[in-house]
Protein backbone atom coordinates (compact mmCIF):
# COMPACT_ATOMS: atom_id res chain seq x y z
CA MET A 1 110.51 129.96 12.81
CA PRO A 2 109.48 128.10 16.00
CA PRO A 3 106.26 126.11 15.62
CA PRO A 4 103.31 126.73 17.91
CA MET A 5 103.78 125.15 21.32
CA SER A 6 102.41 121.65 21.74
CA PRO A 7 100.55 120.65 24.89
CA ALA A 8 103.73 119.04 26.18
CA ASP A 9 105.47 122.42 25.89
CA ASP A 10 102.97 124.18 28.16
CA THR A 11 105.39 126.18 30.29
CA ASP A 12 103.14 126.85 33.27
CA GLY A 13 101.62 123.40 33.64
CA LEU A 14 98.09 124.79 33.58
CA GLY A 15 97.13 123.14 30.29
CA GLY A 16 93.92 121.25 29.60
CA GLY A 17 91.81 123.83 27.83
CA PRO A 18 91.18 123.69 24.08
CA LEU A 19 93.71 126.48 23.43
CA ARG A 20 96.52 124.75 25.34
CA GLY A 21 99.82 125.36 23.58
CA ILE A 22 98.63 128.63 22.02
CA ARG A 23 100.59 131.70 23.07
CA VAL A 24 99.14 135.21 22.98
CA LEU A 25 101.16 138.41 23.19
CA GLU A 26 98.81 141.09 24.52
CA PHE A 27 99.28 144.84 24.10
CA THR A 28 96.11 146.07 25.76
CA GLN A 29 94.70 148.58 28.20
CA ILE A 30 91.48 149.52 29.97
CA ILE A 31 88.75 146.91 29.22
CA ALA A 32 87.99 145.47 25.77
CA GLY A 33 91.47 144.10 25.01
CA PRO A 34 92.24 142.87 28.54
CA VAL A 35 88.90 141.04 28.85
CA ALA A 36 89.47 139.31 25.50
CA GLY A 37 92.76 138.10 26.94
CA ILE A 38 90.98 136.69 30.00
CA HIS A 39 88.70 134.56 27.83
CA LEU A 40 91.63 133.22 25.80
CA SER A 41 93.47 132.40 29.02
CA ASP A 42 90.42 130.61 30.44
CA LEU A 43 90.39 128.47 27.31
CA GLY A 44 93.98 127.42 27.98
CA ALA A 45 96.12 129.91 26.08
CA ASP A 46 99.32 131.28 27.61
CA VAL A 47 98.57 135.01 27.58
CA VAL A 48 101.51 137.36 28.13
CA LYS A 49 100.56 140.96 28.82
CA VAL A 50 103.12 143.57 27.74
CA GLU A 51 103.02 146.63 30.00
CA PRO A 52 105.07 149.83 30.07
CA PRO A 53 107.64 150.00 32.90
CA ARG A 54 105.24 152.06 35.02
CA GLY A 55 102.47 149.53 34.41
CA GLU A 56 99.11 149.94 32.74
CA ASP A 57 97.36 153.05 34.09
CA ARG A 58 94.37 150.99 35.21
CA ARG A 59 96.53 149.18 37.78
CA ASN A 60 95.98 152.02 40.23
CA SER A 61 92.35 152.75 39.46
CA GLY A 62 90.71 152.66 42.89
CA ALA A 63 93.70 150.75 44.25
CA VAL A 64 94.08 150.14 47.97
CA VAL A 65 97.43 148.40 47.40
CA PRO A 66 99.64 150.31 44.91
CA ASN A 67 99.65 148.74 41.43
CA GLU A 68 97.20 146.02 42.51
CA GLY A 69 93.76 147.61 42.19
CA LYS A 70 90.82 145.21 42.37
CA TYR A 71 89.45 146.52 39.07
CA PHE A 72 92.74 145.85 37.27
CA GLN A 73 92.95 142.39 38.80
CA SER A 74 89.44 141.54 37.65
CA LEU A 75 90.34 142.51 34.08
CA ASN A 76 93.69 140.75 33.86
CA ARG A 77 93.54 137.45 35.70
CA GLY A 78 95.05 134.41 34.04
CA LYS A 79 97.96 136.24 32.40
CA ARG A 80 101.67 136.74 32.80
CA SER A 81 103.19 140.23 32.85
CA VAL A 82 106.26 141.45 30.98
CA THR A 83 107.34 145.09 31.09
CA ILE A 84 108.87 146.57 27.94
CA ASP A 85 109.51 150.22 27.15
CA LEU A 86 108.13 150.45 23.61
CA GLY A 87 109.25 154.06 23.47
CA GLN A 88 112.82 152.81 23.06
CA ALA A 89 114.07 151.29 19.82
CA ALA A 90 115.59 148.50 21.89
CA GLY A 91 112.13 147.74 23.30
CA ARG A 92 110.58 147.51 19.86
CA ASP A 93 113.50 145.31 18.72
CA LEU A 94 112.87 143.05 21.72
CA VAL A 95 109.26 142.57 20.64
CA LYS A 96 110.53 141.41 17.25
CA ARG A 97 112.60 138.75 19.00
CA LEU A 98 109.62 137.59 21.04
CA LEU A 99 107.09 137.58 18.22
CA PRO A 100 108.10 134.33 16.45
CA HIS A 101 107.36 132.46 19.68
CA PHE A 102 103.72 133.59 19.76
CA ASP A 103 100.64 132.59 17.77
CA VAL A 104 98.43 135.62 18.39
CA VAL A 105 99.04 139.32 18.95
CA LEU A 106 96.16 141.23 20.54
CA SER A 107 96.02 145.02 20.87
CA ASN A 108 93.45 147.75 21.46
CA TYR A 109 95.40 150.95 20.95
CA ARG A 110 93.96 153.86 19.01
CA PHE A 111 94.12 153.30 15.25
CA GLY A 112 97.62 154.05 13.97
CA VAL A 113 99.47 153.38 17.24
CA ALA A 114 100.10 149.72 16.42
CA GLU A 115 101.74 150.76 13.15
CA ARG A 116 104.01 153.23 14.94
CA LEU A 117 105.07 150.54 17.39
CA GLY A 118 105.58 147.93 14.70
CA ILE A 119 102.92 145.55 16.04
CA ASP A 120 100.48 145.94 13.15
CA TYR A 121 99.63 142.96 10.96
CA GLU A 122 101.89 143.86 8.04
CA SER A 123 104.90 144.27 10.32
CA LEU A 124 104.16 141.12 12.29
CA ARG A 125 103.57 138.74 9.43
CA ALA A 126 106.96 139.66 8.04
CA LEU A 127 108.35 138.04 11.19
CA ARG A 128 105.86 135.19 11.38
CA PRO A 129 103.70 134.62 8.27
CA ASP A 130 101.06 132.55 10.09
CA ILE A 131 100.54 135.09 12.87
CA ILE A 132 97.02 136.03 13.89
CA CYS A 133 96.82 139.74 14.66
CA ALA A 134 93.67 140.96 16.41
CA THR A 135 93.16 144.71 16.72
CA ILE A 136 90.37 146.55 18.54
CA THR A 137 89.76 150.23 17.83
CA GLY A 138 87.00 152.69 18.60
CA PHE A 139 85.68 153.45 15.11
CA GLY A 140 87.40 150.99 12.78
CA ASP A 141 90.23 151.54 10.32
CA ARG A 142 88.42 153.31 7.48
CA GLY A 143 86.35 156.43 7.09
CA PRO A 144 86.72 159.97 8.43
CA TYR A 145 86.75 158.92 12.11
CA ALA A 146 89.20 156.02 11.96
CA THR A 147 91.77 157.87 14.06
CA ARG A 148 89.22 159.16 16.55
CA ALA A 149 89.71 158.10 20.19
CA GLY A 150 87.09 155.67 21.42
CA SER A 151 85.71 154.62 24.80
CA ASP A 152 82.60 152.81 25.93
CA ILE A 153 80.70 155.93 26.99
CA ALA A 154 81.67 157.90 23.88
CA THR A 155 80.57 155.00 21.69
CA GLN A 156 77.28 154.77 23.58
CA ALA A 157 76.67 158.39 22.63
CA TYR A 158 77.84 158.18 19.02
CA SER A 159 75.97 154.96 18.23
CA GLY A 160 72.62 156.16 19.61
CA MET A 161 72.64 153.76 22.56
CA ILE A 162 72.27 156.50 25.16
CA ALA A 163 69.35 158.03 23.30
CA ALA A 164 67.77 154.61 22.82
CA GLU A 165 68.04 153.91 26.56
CA GLY A 166 66.28 157.24 27.11
CA LYS A 167 67.42 158.08 30.63
CA VAL A 168 68.25 161.57 31.90
CA ASP A 169 69.43 162.94 35.24
CA GLU A 170 67.63 165.49 37.40
CA GLU A 171 68.96 168.30 35.20
CA GLY A 172 67.91 166.63 31.95
CA ALA A 173 71.43 165.59 30.90
CA PRO A 174 71.81 162.20 29.20
CA VAL A 175 72.59 159.21 31.41
CA TRP A 176 74.72 156.42 30.01
CA LEU A 177 74.60 152.72 30.86
CA THR A 178 76.79 152.79 33.94
CA ALA A 179 76.56 149.36 35.60
CA THR A 180 79.18 147.81 33.32
CA PRO A 181 80.84 148.82 30.04
CA PHE A 182 78.59 146.75 27.79
CA ILE A 183 80.24 147.72 24.51
CA ASP A 184 83.77 147.07 25.75
CA ARG A 185 82.92 143.68 27.19
CA SER A 186 80.83 142.61 24.21
CA THR A 187 83.72 143.55 21.93
CA ALA A 188 85.97 141.38 24.09
CA PHE A 189 83.64 138.41 23.60
CA ALA A 190 83.66 139.00 19.84
CA ALA A 191 87.45 139.27 19.78
CA ALA A 192 87.93 135.98 21.62
CA MET A 193 85.42 134.29 19.31
CA ALA A 194 87.11 135.64 16.18
CA ILE A 195 90.59 134.66 17.38
CA CYS A 196 89.41 131.12 18.04
CA ALA A 197 87.90 131.00 14.54
CA ALA A 198 91.15 132.30 13.03
CA LEU A 199 93.15 129.67 14.93
CA PHE A 200 90.80 126.98 13.63
CA GLU A 201 91.29 128.24 10.08
CA ARG A 202 95.05 128.23 10.56
CA SER A 203 94.93 124.64 11.80
CA ARG A 204 93.27 123.65 8.52
CA THR A 205 95.21 125.78 6.04
CA GLY A 206 98.30 127.08 7.82
CA ARG A 207 97.26 130.64 7.07
CA GLY A 208 97.38 133.43 9.60
CA GLN A 209 95.25 136.53 9.23
CA GLU A 210 94.26 139.92 10.53
CA VAL A 211 91.20 140.26 12.78
CA ARG A 212 89.74 143.76 13.18
CA LEU A 213 87.04 144.83 15.60
CA SER A 214 85.63 148.18 16.68
CA LEU A 215 83.51 149.41 19.55
CA LEU A 216 81.18 151.08 17.07
CA GLN A 217 80.50 147.83 15.20
CA THR A 218 79.72 146.11 18.49
CA ALA A 219 77.36 148.89 19.55
CA LEU A 220 75.44 148.60 16.28
CA GLU A 221 75.08 144.85 16.78
CA LEU A 222 73.77 145.35 20.31
CA MET A 223 71.03 147.58 18.88
CA SER A 224 70.52 145.72 15.61
CA ASN A 225 66.72 145.84 15.87
CA LYS A 226 66.85 149.64 15.91
CA VAL A 227 69.68 150.11 13.43
CA MET A 228 68.54 147.69 10.71
CA ARG A 229 66.31 148.95 7.89
CA GLU A 230 63.12 147.14 6.89
CA PRO A 231 60.69 148.97 4.61
CA VAL A 232 57.32 147.93 6.04
CA HIS A 233 58.15 148.70 9.68
CA ASP A 234 60.22 151.74 8.78
CA VAL A 235 57.54 153.55 6.82
CA THR A 236 55.00 152.84 9.56
CA VAL A 237 56.99 153.44 12.74
CA ARG A 238 60.65 154.31 12.27
CA ASP A 239 60.48 157.06 9.65
CA PRO A 240 57.70 159.18 11.25
CA LEU A 241 59.33 158.86 14.68
CA LEU A 242 62.80 159.77 13.38
CA GLU A 243 61.39 162.76 11.52
CA ARG A 244 59.72 164.08 14.68
CA MET A 245 62.82 163.52 16.81
CA GLN A 246 65.16 165.15 14.30
CA ALA A 247 62.84 168.13 13.92
CA ALA A 248 62.59 168.55 17.69
CA ARG A 249 66.38 168.36 18.05
CA ALA A 250 66.91 170.88 15.26
CA SER A 251 64.51 173.33 16.94
CA GLY A 252 66.58 173.32 20.12
CA VAL A 253 64.22 171.21 22.21
CA ALA A 254 65.87 169.74 25.31
CA PHE A 255 67.31 166.23 25.07
CA ARG A 256 64.74 164.99 27.61
CA ASP A 257 61.88 166.01 25.31
CA VAL A 258 63.51 164.68 22.15
CA ILE A 259 63.93 161.18 23.52
CA GLY A 260 60.50 161.39 25.14
CA LEU A 261 58.99 161.16 21.67
CA ARG A 262 60.16 157.53 21.54
CA ASP A 263 57.67 156.63 24.27
CA GLU A 264 54.95 156.64 21.64
CA THR A 265 56.43 153.51 20.06
CA VAL A 266 57.13 151.87 23.42
CA ARG A 267 53.40 152.04 24.22
CA LEU A 268 52.74 149.77 21.27
CA THR A 269 54.31 146.92 23.25
CA SER A 270 51.40 145.63 25.34
CA HIS A 271 53.37 143.42 27.71
CA ARG A 272 55.18 146.34 29.38
CA LEU A 273 53.00 145.77 32.44
CA TYR A 274 54.60 142.37 32.93
CA TYR A 275 58.15 143.04 31.77
CA ARG A 276 59.29 145.65 34.25
CA GLY A 277 60.19 146.36 37.86
CA TYR A 278 57.93 146.90 40.87
CA ASP A 279 58.39 147.81 44.50
CA THR A 280 57.20 145.42 47.22
CA LYS A 281 56.72 145.33 50.98
CA GLN A 282 60.45 144.64 51.24
CA GLY A 283 62.83 144.82 48.29
CA ALA A 284 62.32 145.30 44.57
CA LEU A 285 60.95 142.73 42.12
CA ILE A 286 61.40 142.23 38.39
CA LEU A 287 58.79 140.50 36.25
CA GLY A 288 60.11 139.11 32.97
CA ALA A 289 57.01 137.72 31.30
CA ILE A 290 57.28 137.87 27.52
CA THR A 291 54.89 135.06 26.53
CA LEU A 292 51.12 135.31 26.75
CA GLN A 293 51.09 132.21 28.94
CA ASN A 294 53.38 133.88 31.49
CA ARG A 295 51.34 137.09 31.47
CA ASN A 296 48.13 135.17 32.01
CA THR A 297 49.74 133.33 34.92
CA ILE A 298 50.62 136.65 36.59
CA ARG A 299 47.08 137.89 35.97
CA ARG A 300 45.68 134.77 37.64
CA VAL A 301 48.05 134.96 40.63
CA LEU A 302 47.36 138.66 41.22
CA GLY A 303 43.72 138.71 40.20
CA ILE A 304 44.34 141.32 37.49
CA HIS A 305 41.97 141.71 34.52
CA ASP A 306 43.67 144.12 32.13
CA ASP A 307 42.91 144.20 28.40
CA THR A 308 46.41 144.79 27.02
CA ASP A 309 46.46 141.39 25.26
CA SER A 310 42.94 141.75 23.89
CA PRO A 311 42.64 142.23 20.10
CA GLU A 312 40.35 145.17 20.84
CA PHE A 313 42.95 147.03 22.91
CA ASP A 314 44.43 149.97 21.00
CA ALA A 315 47.73 151.04 22.58
CA ALA A 316 47.69 154.22 20.49
CA ALA A 317 44.20 155.31 21.56
CA PRO A 318 43.92 158.65 23.41
CA ASP A 319 42.89 156.99 26.67
CA ALA A 320 45.34 154.07 26.46
CA ASP A 321 48.02 155.64 28.63
CA ALA A 322 45.60 156.34 31.46
CA ARG A 323 44.15 152.81 31.31
CA VAL A 324 47.61 151.18 31.33
CA GLU A 325 48.68 153.39 34.22
CA GLY A 326 45.61 152.32 36.16
CA TRP A 327 46.46 148.64 35.68
CA ARG A 328 50.07 149.29 36.60
CA ALA A 329 48.98 150.98 39.84
CA GLU A 330 46.69 148.04 40.60
CA ILE A 331 49.54 145.56 40.12
CA GLN A 332 51.82 147.72 42.25
CA ALA A 333 49.27 147.86 45.07
CA LYS A 334 48.84 144.09 45.11
CA LEU A 335 52.60 143.48 45.13
CA MET A 336 52.99 145.68 48.22
CA ALA A 337 51.26 142.94 50.25
CA ARG A 338 54.38 140.73 50.34
CA SER A 339 58.15 140.95 50.14
CA ALA A 340 60.05 140.56 46.90
CA GLU A 341 61.43 137.19 48.02
CA GLU A 342 57.94 135.90 48.80
CA TRP A 343 56.61 137.00 45.42
CA GLU A 344 59.66 135.55 43.71
CA ALA A 345 58.95 132.16 45.28
CA VAL A 346 55.32 132.29 44.09
CA PHE A 347 56.14 133.24 40.52
CA VAL A 348 59.08 130.84 40.19
CA GLN A 349 56.83 128.02 41.42
CA GLU A 350 54.35 128.99 38.70
CA GLY A 351 57.09 128.95 36.06
CA VAL A 352 57.14 132.72 35.49
CA PRO A 353 60.51 134.48 34.95
CA ALA A 354 60.84 136.75 38.00
CA SER A 355 63.56 137.76 40.41
CA THR A 356 64.29 139.79 43.48
CA VAL A 357 66.69 142.62 42.63
CA HIS A 358 69.95 141.55 44.25
CA LEU A 359 73.07 143.57 44.93
CA ALA A 360 76.09 142.72 42.76
CA GLU A 361 78.27 142.62 45.87
CA GLU A 362 76.12 139.77 47.25
CA MET A 363 76.52 137.44 44.31
CA SER A 364 79.84 135.87 45.28
CA ASP A 365 77.99 134.09 48.10
CA ASP A 366 74.75 133.39 46.25
CA VAL A 367 73.50 129.82 46.64
CA GLN A 368 73.08 129.24 42.89
CA VAL A 369 76.42 130.84 42.05
CA LEU A 370 78.18 128.59 44.55
CA ALA A 371 76.31 125.45 43.45
CA GLU A 372 77.34 126.07 39.83
CA GLY A 373 80.97 126.79 40.72
CA MET A 374 80.75 130.27 39.22
CA MET A 375 83.50 131.57 41.53
CA THR A 376 87.09 130.27 41.59
CA PRO A 377 89.52 130.59 44.52
CA LEU A 378 92.99 131.95 43.71
CA VAL A 379 95.89 133.41 45.66
CA HIS A 380 97.47 136.68 44.56
CA PRO A 381 101.17 137.06 45.46
CA VAL A 382 100.59 140.51 46.96
CA THR A 383 96.97 140.82 48.07
CA GLY A 384 96.48 137.18 49.07
CA PRO A 385 93.44 134.85 48.79
CA GLN A 386 90.67 135.93 46.46
CA ARG A 387 87.70 134.53 44.61
CA VAL A 388 87.25 135.46 40.96
CA VAL A 389 84.42 134.92 38.50
CA SER A 390 84.87 131.57 36.78
CA PRO A 391 85.09 131.14 32.97
CA LEU A 392 81.96 131.71 30.93
CA VAL A 393 81.70 128.14 29.67
CA ARG A 394 82.23 124.58 30.82
CA MET A 395 83.69 121.99 28.47
CA SER A 396 83.64 118.25 29.19
CA ALA A 397 86.68 117.09 27.20
CA THR A 398 88.90 120.16 27.51
CA PRO A 399 88.18 121.77 30.89
CA VAL A 400 88.52 125.53 31.07
CA VAL A 401 89.78 127.18 34.25
CA ALA A 402 90.59 130.53 35.79
CA ALA A 403 94.20 129.43 36.12
CA ARG A 404 95.99 132.26 37.91
CA PRO A 405 95.38 135.67 39.47
CA ALA A 406 96.27 138.89 37.69
CA PRO A 407 100.06 139.29 37.49
CA THR A 408 102.07 141.77 39.46
CA LEU A 409 103.90 144.34 37.36
CA GLY A 410 106.71 142.63 35.45
CA GLN A 411 106.26 139.43 37.45
CA HIS A 412 107.18 137.18 34.54
CA THR A 413 109.65 139.32 32.61
CA ASP A 414 112.63 137.07 33.23
CA GLU A 415 110.92 133.76 32.56
CA VAL A 416 109.19 134.88 29.37
CA LEU A 417 112.35 136.38 27.89
CA ARG A 418 114.31 133.24 28.69
CA GLU A 419 111.59 131.06 27.14
CA CYS A 420 112.02 133.10 23.98
CA GLY A 421 115.76 132.43 23.81
CA LEU A 422 117.36 135.40 25.59
CA THR A 423 120.34 134.67 27.80
CA ASP A 424 120.72 135.77 31.40
CA ASP A 425 123.30 138.35 30.31
CA GLU A 426 120.96 139.76 27.66
CA VAL A 427 118.11 140.04 30.16
CA ALA A 428 120.39 141.74 32.67
CA ALA A 429 121.55 144.23 30.02
CA LEU A 430 117.95 145.08 29.11
CA VAL A 431 117.13 145.66 32.77
CA GLU A 432 120.20 147.86 33.16
CA ALA A 433 119.19 149.93 30.12
CA GLY A 434 115.63 150.36 31.44
CA VAL A 435 114.14 148.54 28.45
CA VAL A 436 112.48 145.99 30.74
CA THR A 437 111.82 145.82 34.47
CA ARG A 438 111.46 143.00 36.94
CA TRP A 439 109.03 142.50 39.76
CA GLU A 440 110.80 143.11 43.03
């Protein structure tokens, strides 16, 4: 069995990160698995993405250039691409030849698919006992819904996240969190963290292990304050609210009205006046004051004299809503005197968390983003120069980098197979049989 690569064996010369010498074989699609691979690559691992001959479906999602969609590139930078037809026995046999040369196998297929393809933990550790096998599924690997298909939006619904967010469209239908797939990406962070921990354990004991994650588990963690049980709070707030919401739902009340019952508990949070968005003379502004000191600073700057932090203020009183709305309108009127950028400058100078609402498309040229080096220039072999979001962390002794752009389909098939001991004739025969493809 080949040992893990040492830094001197780093085949692409991009080493330096703390995971240099670690090789990851990635069987992933869509978001959670691919993003986990990005983080491992940023940390120095050699991540090889295995794609079907036609490529991952996401390659052409919103693509201007065939197979090289911007969304796919953003989710798969830093990797090498090998195409293998896992539907053929010869393709699955090829994976068995590659496996001993890798330290980690990462997949996010529906539960049961990895077993059918022979890339589950039990199959893999027979080939390499110290392998680390990380698997992401929608609902886990136990229980009645283990085989159920999962996606970010479906998990938002199942976990209660959509109802907790409490937004509906003009027809009253539920609105999900659309800006970014929070559950997928958070699961990716957890997967990268767990893989690093498993590698650390292996470095101490020589033992590999299985790492399992699910979108549902991640969603519960993201809402842990709502999901956890605590008797004092529950009997006072949670249980009566849940009983009313369940009864309303059972009676056929519209979704809009069911989730509207939650507003009664939201009113108990007095700082909602100062932790929210407002319009201004030009642009939108967010105030993020959580502490009493910050709220008092805003009151002083705006000349507001609300009672929401007074011990005598009862947020549940019959007239509380009207009083809070009056103060909100007063704040809104005062903020209309200046632009969002002007107010931002005032509040930042005073030490209050506040920000103009920027557009995501503007951030690549933002002064703070550029000063912090949060964008990295790369050159894609097909689409040319690009700037990608830099790694999440900076490390002084083992620098992390966004090392390469997303691979073209099958770009590294030949070199990876040869690194793993296949001869030129064997590679040519696999290409001829349609088991693998090359980038032309």
